[in-house]
Amino acid sequence: MEIVQCASCDGYGWITDEFEGTTDDCDWCGGTGYVYRDENGVDHHIPDSDYGKVSDTLENLETKRMHNLGYKGEAIHPKKQAIRLRKDDNSKT
């Protein structure tokens, strides 16, 4: 089976109910944004037990999706983000 972007949530992993104004994990993909597609074109939830095996594929698909949306950067661990490293502007010196 191949891994494809979830058709229900377009890869976001969540759905917003426009009538109720609530947001929940997508029922089709369980919040990952991606599903298995079998040889008959039927989509299936990726079991939690498979995430270790497919994590690199999911990460690459997500990077590609973000680039398609116009994001040109790369993910940076929060401890390395410049905004988190700057000193408090309100500190007394």
C-alpha atoms as a PDB file:
ATOM      1  CA  MET A   1       0.000   0.000   0.000  1.00  0.00           C
ATOM      2  CA  GLU A   2       1.116   3.528  -0.669  1.00  0.00           C
ATOM      3  CA  ILE A   3       0.776   6.489   1.680  1.00  0.00           C
ATOM      4  CA  VAL A   4      -1.220   9.429   0.332  1.00  0.00           C
ATOM      5  CA  GLN A   5      -2.573  12.718   1.633  1.00  0.00           C
ATOM      6  CA  CYS A   6      -5.952  12.323   3.299  1.00  0.00           C
ATOM      7  CA  ALA A   7      -8.729  13.405   0.916  1.00  0.00           C
ATOM      8  CA  SER A   8     -11.007  14.369   3.787  1.00  0.00           C
ATOM      9  CA  CYS A   9      -8.762  16.929   5.505  1.00  0.00           C
ATOM     10  CA  ASP A  10      -6.297  17.721   2.664  1.00  0.00           C
ATOM     11  CA  GLY A  11      -3.377  16.681   4.850  1.00  0.00           C
ATOM     12  CA  TYR A  12      -4.113  19.016   7.753  1.00  0.00           C
ATOM     13  CA  GLY A  13      -5.172  16.253  10.144  1.00  0.00           C
ATOM     14  CA  TRP A  14      -8.207  18.070  11.500  1.00  0.00           C
ATOM     15  CA  ILE A  15     -11.692  19.065  10.403  1.00  0.00           C
ATOM     16  CA  THR A  16     -13.623  22.163  11.450  1.00  0.00           C
ATOM     17  CA  ASP A  17     -17.380  21.787  11.629  1.00  0.00           C
ATOM     18  CA  GLU A  18     -18.624  24.984  10.005  1.00  0.00           C
ATOM     19  CA  PHE A  19     -22.051  24.670  11.643  1.00  0.00           C
ATOM     20  CA  GLU A  20     -20.896  24.057  15.220  1.00  0.00           C
ATOM     21  CA  GLY A  21     -17.558  25.861  15.029  1.00  0.00           C
ATOM     22  CA  THR A  22     -15.711  22.912  16.581  1.00  0.00           C
ATOM     23  CA  THR A  23     -12.430  21.411  15.426  1.00  0.00           C
ATOM     24  CA  ASP A  24     -11.537  17.752  15.856  1.00  0.00           C
ATOM     25  CA  ASP A  25      -9.062  15.224  14.489  1.00  0.00           C
ATOM     26  CA  CYS A  26     -10.045  13.964  11.062  1.00  0.00           C
ATOM     27  CA  ASP A  27     -11.949  10.675  11.314  1.00  0.00           C
ATOM     28  CA  TRP A  28     -10.394   9.314   8.108  1.00  0.00           C
ATOM     29  CA  CYS A  29      -6.726   9.717   9.018  1.00  0.00           C
ATOM     30  CA  GLY A  30      -6.924  10.010  12.804  1.00  0.00           C
ATOM     31  CA  GLY A  31      -5.135  13.354  12.802  1.00  0.00           C
ATOM     32  CA  THR A  32      -2.031  12.448  10.787  1.00  0.00           C
ATOM     33  CA  GLY A  33      -3.117  13.954   7.471  1.00  0.00           C
ATOM     34  CA  TYR A  34      -2.149  10.778   5.595  1.00  0.00           C
ATOM     35  CA  VAL A  35      -3.676   7.354   4.912  1.00  0.00           C
ATOM     36  CA  TYR A  36      -2.738   4.061   3.312  1.00  0.00           C
ATOM     37  CA  ARG A  37      -4.238   3.573  -0.162  1.00  0.00           C
ATOM     38  CA  ASP A  38      -4.594  -0.032  -1.274  1.00  0.00           C
ATOM     39  CA  GLU A  39      -4.354  -1.426  -4.814  1.00  0.00           C
ATOM     40  CA  ASN A  40      -8.116  -0.891  -5.292  1.00  0.00           C
ATOM     41  CA  GLY A  41      -7.866   2.813  -4.449  1.00  0.00           C
ATOM     42  CA  VAL A  42      -9.478   2.399  -1.023  1.00  0.00           C
ATOM     43  CA  ASP A  43      -8.039   4.521   1.797  1.00  0.00           C
ATOM     44  CA  HIS A  44      -7.257   3.033   5.218  1.00  0.00           C
ATOM     45  CA  HIS A  45      -6.236   4.541   8.555  1.00  0.00           C
ATOM     46  CA  ILE A  46      -2.513   4.075   9.321  1.00  0.00           C
ATOM     47  CA  PRO A  47      -2.326   1.963  12.500  1.00  0.00           C
ATOM     48  CA  ASP A  48      -0.364   3.417  15.421  1.00  0.00           C
ATOM     49  CA  SER A  49       1.903   0.364  15.290  1.00  0.00           C
ATOM     50  CA  ASP A  50       3.085   1.376  11.783  1.00  0.00           C
ATOM     51  CA  TYR A  51       4.216   4.911  12.608  1.00  0.00           C
ATOM     52  CA  GLY A  52       7.768   3.860  13.451  1.00  0.00           C
ATOM     53  CA  LYS A  53       8.060   2.169  10.052  1.00  0.00           C
ATOM     54  CA  VAL A  54       6.591   5.017   8.018  1.00  0.00           C
ATOM     55  CA  SER A  55       7.721   8.105   9.954  1.00  0.00           C
ATOM     56  CA  ASP A  56      10.369   9.116   7.384  1.00  0.00           C
ATOM     57  CA  THR A  57       7.843   8.795   4.551  1.00  0.00           C
ATOM     58  CA  LEU A  58       5.282  10.855   6.483  1.00  0.00           C
ATOM     59  CA  GLU A  59       7.879  13.532   7.248  1.00  0.00           C
ATOM     60  CA  ASN A  60       8.897  13.765   3.579  1.00  0.00           C
ATOM     61  CA  LEU A  61       5.277  13.953   2.427  1.00  0.00           C
ATOM     62  CA  GLU A  62       4.544  16.685   4.964  1.00  0.00           C
ATOM     63  CA  THR A  63       7.594  18.703   3.875  1.00  0.00           C
ATOM     64  CA  LYS A  64       6.441  18.418   0.260  1.00  0.00           C
ATOM     65  CA  ARG A  65       2.890  19.465   1.228  1.00  0.00           C
ATOM     66  CA  MET A  66       4.181  22.520   3.102  1.00  0.00           C
ATOM     67  CA  HIS A  67       6.357  23.523   0.147  1.00  0.00           C
ATOM     68  CA  ASN A  68       3.335  23.168  -2.160  1.00  0.00           C
ATOM     69  CA  LEU A  69       1.505  25.591   0.156  1.00  0.00           C
ATOM     70  CA  GLY A  70       4.336  28.092  -0.265  1.00  0.00           C
ATOM     71  CA  TYR A  71       6.430  27.430   2.843  1.00  0.00           C
ATOM     72  CA  LYS A  72      10.083  27.510   1.827  1.00  0.00           C
ATOM     73  CA  GLY A  73      11.863  26.833   5.119  1.00  0.00           C
ATOM     74  CA  GLU A  74      12.680  23.713   7.049  1.00  0.00           C
ATOM     75  CA  ALA A  75      11.507  22.556  10.444  1.00  0.00           C
ATOM     76  CA  ILE A  76      13.723  23.790  13.275  1.00  0.00           C
ATOM     77  CA  HIS A  77      13.643  22.325  16.761  1.00  0.00           C
ATOM     78  CA  PRO A  78      12.158  24.861  19.212  1.00  0.00           C
ATOM     79  CA  LYS A  79      15.418  24.998  21.198  1.00  0.00           C
ATOM     80  CA  LYS A  80      17.179  26.247  18.053  1.00  0.00           C
ATOM     81  CA  GLN A  81      14.603  28.822  16.934  1.00  0.00           C
ATOM     82  CA  ALA A  82      16.011  32.344  16.970  1.00  0.00           C
ATOM     83  CA  ILE A  83      12.913  33.863  18.540  1.00  0.00           C
ATOM     84  CA  ARG A  84      13.243  31.504  21.503  1.00  0.00           C
ATOM     85  CA  LEU A  85      16.939  32.266  21.941  1.00  0.00           C
ATOM     86  CA  ARG A  86      16.687  36.062  22.125  1.00  0.00           C
ATOM     87  CA  LYS A  87      16.958  37.766  25.472  1.00  0.00           C
ATOM     88  CA  ASP A  88      13.908  39.256  27.098  1.00  0.00           C
ATOM     89  CA  ASP A  89      13.472  42.769  25.706  1.00  0.00           C
ATOM     90  CA  ASN A  90      11.925  43.957  28.972  1.00  0.00           C
ATOM     91  CA  SER A  91      14.790  42.823  31.191  1.00  0.00           C
ATOM     92  CA  LYS A  92      16.509  45.325  33.433  1.00  0.00           C
ATOM     93  CA  THR A  93      20.221  45.757  32.801  1.00  0.00           C
END
